[in-house]
Amino acid sequence: MSRLVTIVVAVIGTGLMMTFVIGLSHSISTGFAGFWGGFPFMVIAIFVILLALYDLWEESIRKDD
């Protein structure tokens, strides 16, 4: 794949994953668990999103062909 296609696909995939994880975190925090019950998951979700963004940067944007 060309570099541009790789970047576009990686951004779309990361965006979809972020949307799912943020929605799941929001659902847990506003549901039965409440804010403090969903807080540990929220912290883990933020960490996972940061790891995904770092991988996006390393594997598709910064990578030299």
N, C-alpha and C. Protein backbone atom coordinates (compact mmCIF):
# COMPACT_ATOMS: atom_id res chain seq x y z
N MET A 1 0.84 -1.18 0.00
CA MET A 1 0.00 0.00 0.00
C MET A 1 0.88 1.24 0.00
N SER A 2 0.38 2.29 -0.55
CA SER A 2 1.14 3.53 -0.53
C SER A 2 1.09 4.13 0.87
N ARG A 3 1.97 5.05 1.09
CA ARG A 3 2.06 5.66 2.43
C ARG A 3 0.78 6.40 2.80
N LEU A 4 0.20 7.12 1.84
CA LEU A 4 -1.03 7.88 2.11
C LEU A 4 -2.19 6.95 2.47
N VAL A 5 -2.32 5.85 1.75
CA VAL A 5 -3.40 4.89 2.04
C VAL A 5 -3.19 4.29 3.42
N THR A 6 -1.96 3.97 3.76
CA THR A 6 -1.65 3.41 5.08
C THR A 6 -2.04 4.39 6.18
N ILE A 7 -1.72 5.66 6.01
CA ILE A 7 -2.05 6.67 7.02
C ILE A 7 -3.56 6.82 7.15
N VAL A 8 -4.26 6.89 6.03
CA VAL A 8 -5.72 7.07 6.07
C VAL A 8 -6.40 5.88 6.74
N VAL A 9 -6.00 4.67 6.39
CA VAL A 9 -6.60 3.48 6.98
C VAL A 9 -6.28 3.41 8.48
N ALA A 10 -5.05 3.75 8.86
CA ALA A 10 -4.67 3.73 10.28
C ALA A 10 -5.46 4.76 11.08
N VAL A 11 -5.66 5.94 10.52
CA VAL A 11 -6.43 6.98 11.22
C VAL A 11 -7.89 6.55 11.37
N ILE A 12 -8.46 5.97 10.33
CA ILE A 12 -9.85 5.51 10.41
C ILE A 12 -9.99 4.40 11.44
N GLY A 13 -9.08 3.44 11.41
CA GLY A 13 -9.13 2.33 12.37
C GLY A 13 -8.95 2.80 13.80
N THR A 14 -8.00 3.68 14.02
CA THR A 14 -7.77 4.20 15.36
C THR A 14 -8.95 5.03 15.84
N GLY A 15 -9.53 5.80 14.94
CA GLY A 15 -10.72 6.59 15.29
C GLY A 15 -11.91 5.72 15.68
N LEU A 16 -12.13 4.63 14.95
CA LEU A 16 -13.21 3.72 15.29
C LEU A 16 -12.97 3.05 16.64
N MET A 17 -11.73 2.64 16.88
CA MET A 17 -11.41 2.02 18.16
C MET A 17 -11.59 3.01 19.30
N MET A 18 -11.16 4.25 19.10
CA MET A 18 -11.32 5.29 20.13
C MET A 18 -12.79 5.56 20.40
N THR A 19 -13.60 5.61 19.36
CA THR A 19 -15.04 5.85 19.52
C THR A 19 -15.68 4.74 20.35
N PHE A 20 -15.32 3.50 20.07
CA PHE A 20 -15.86 2.38 20.83
C PHE A 20 -15.44 2.44 22.29
N VAL A 21 -14.16 2.65 22.56
CA VAL A 21 -13.66 2.64 23.93
C VAL A 21 -14.21 3.83 24.73
N ILE A 22 -14.27 4.99 24.12
CA ILE A 22 -14.82 6.17 24.81
C ILE A 22 -16.32 5.96 25.08
N GLY A 23 -17.05 5.41 24.11
CA GLY A 23 -18.47 5.13 24.32
C GLY A 23 -18.71 4.11 25.42
N LEU A 24 -17.87 3.08 25.45
CA LEU A 24 -17.99 2.08 26.51
C LEU A 24 -17.69 2.68 27.87
N SER A 25 -16.67 3.51 27.95
CA SER A 25 -16.32 4.17 29.20
C SER A 25 -17.45 5.10 29.66
N HIS A 26 -18.01 5.84 28.73
CA HIS A 26 -19.12 6.73 29.05
C HIS A 26 -20.33 5.94 29.55
N SER A 27 -20.61 4.83 28.89
CA SER A 27 -21.74 4.00 29.28
C SER A 27 -21.56 3.43 30.68
N ILE A 28 -20.36 2.99 30.99
CA ILE A 28 -20.10 2.45 32.33
C ILE A 28 -20.21 3.55 33.38
N SER A 29 -19.65 4.72 33.09
CA SER A 29 -19.63 5.81 34.08
C SER A 29 -20.99 6.43 34.33
N THR A 30 -21.87 6.43 33.34
CA THR A 30 -23.19 7.03 33.54
C THR A 30 -24.24 6.00 33.92
N GLY A 31 -23.88 4.74 33.90
CA GLY A 31 -24.84 3.69 34.23
C GLY A 31 -24.84 3.37 35.70
N PHE A 32 -25.05 2.12 36.00
CA PHE A 32 -25.19 1.65 37.38
C PHE A 32 -23.93 1.87 38.21
N ALA A 33 -22.76 1.78 37.58
CA ALA A 33 -21.50 1.90 38.32
C ALA A 33 -21.27 3.31 38.83
N GLY A 34 -21.80 4.30 38.15
CA GLY A 34 -21.56 5.68 38.55
C GLY A 34 -20.15 6.13 38.17
N PHE A 35 -19.85 7.39 38.46
CA PHE A 35 -18.55 7.93 38.05
C PHE A 35 -17.40 7.22 38.73
N TRP A 36 -17.47 7.05 40.03
CA TRP A 36 -16.34 6.45 40.75
C TRP A 36 -16.22 4.96 40.46
N GLY A 37 -17.30 4.31 40.14
CA GLY A 37 -17.24 2.90 39.76
C GLY A 37 -16.62 2.71 38.38
N GLY A 38 -16.87 3.67 37.49
CA GLY A 38 -16.32 3.59 36.14
C GLY A 38 -14.96 4.26 35.99
N PHE A 39 -14.50 4.91 37.04
CA PHE A 39 -13.23 5.64 36.97
C PHE A 39 -12.03 4.75 36.65
N PRO A 40 -11.88 3.57 37.30
CA PRO A 40 -10.74 2.72 36.94
C PRO A 40 -10.73 2.31 35.47
N PHE A 41 -11.91 2.00 34.92
CA PHE A 41 -11.98 1.66 33.50
C PHE A 41 -11.63 2.86 32.64
N MET A 42 -12.05 4.05 33.07
CA MET A 42 -11.75 5.26 32.31
C MET A 42 -10.24 5.49 32.25
N VAL A 43 -9.55 5.27 33.36
CA VAL A 43 -8.10 5.44 33.38
C VAL A 43 -7.43 4.43 32.45
N ILE A 44 -7.88 3.18 32.49
CA ILE A 44 -7.33 2.16 31.60
C ILE A 44 -7.63 2.50 30.15
N ALA A 45 -8.84 2.98 29.86
CA ALA A 45 -9.23 3.33 28.50
C ALA A 45 -8.36 4.47 27.96
N ILE A 46 -8.09 5.46 28.78
CA ILE A 46 -7.23 6.57 28.35
C ILE A 46 -5.82 6.07 28.04
N PHE A 47 -5.31 5.17 28.87
CA PHE A 47 -3.98 4.60 28.65
C PHE A 47 -3.94 3.80 27.34
N VAL A 48 -4.98 3.00 27.08
CA VAL A 48 -5.04 2.21 25.85
C VAL A 48 -5.14 3.12 24.62
N ILE A 49 -5.91 4.19 24.72
CA ILE A 49 -6.02 5.13 23.61
C ILE A 49 -4.68 5.81 23.34
N LEU A 50 -3.96 6.18 24.39
CA LEU A 50 -2.64 6.77 24.20
C LEU A 50 -1.68 5.78 23.55
N LEU A 51 -1.75 4.51 23.93
CA LEU A 51 -0.91 3.49 23.29
C LEU A 51 -1.27 3.34 21.81
N ALA A 52 -2.55 3.36 21.49
CA ALA A 52 -2.99 3.24 20.10
C ALA A 52 -2.51 4.44 19.27
N LEU A 53 -2.60 5.64 19.85
CA LEU A 53 -2.12 6.82 19.13
C LEU A 53 -0.61 6.79 18.93
N TYR A 54 0.13 6.29 19.91
CA TYR A 54 1.57 6.14 19.77
C TYR A 54 1.91 5.14 18.67
N ASP A 55 1.17 4.02 18.63
CA ASP A 55 1.40 3.03 17.59
C ASP A 55 1.06 3.59 16.21
N LEU A 56 -0.01 4.37 16.13
CA LEU A 56 -0.35 5.03 14.87
C LEU A 56 0.79 5.92 14.41
N TRP A 57 1.33 6.68 15.32
CA TRP A 57 2.44 7.58 15.00
C TRP A 57 3.67 6.80 14.53
N GLU A 58 4.04 5.76 15.28
CA GLU A 58 5.25 4.99 14.98
C GLU A 58 5.14 4.19 13.68
N GLU A 59 4.01 3.55 13.46
CA GLU A 59 3.90 2.61 12.36
C GLU A 59 3.46 3.22 11.04
N SER A 60 2.79 4.35 11.06
CA SER A 60 2.32 4.85 9.78
C SER A 60 2.79 6.26 9.46
N ILE A 61 2.91 7.12 10.41
CA ILE A 61 3.28 8.51 10.11
C ILE A 61 4.79 8.70 10.14
N ARG A 62 5.46 8.21 11.18
CA ARG A 62 6.88 8.42 11.33
C ARG A 62 7.72 7.43 10.53
N LYS A 63 7.16 6.29 10.22
CA LYS A 63 7.90 5.21 9.55
C LYS A 63 8.43 5.65 8.19
N ASP A 64 9.71 5.39 7.97
CA ASP A 64 10.32 5.69 6.67
C ASP A 64 10.21 4.47 5.77
N ASP A 65 9.95 4.73 4.49
CA ASP A 65 9.83 3.60 3.53
C ASP A 65 11.17 3.12 3.09
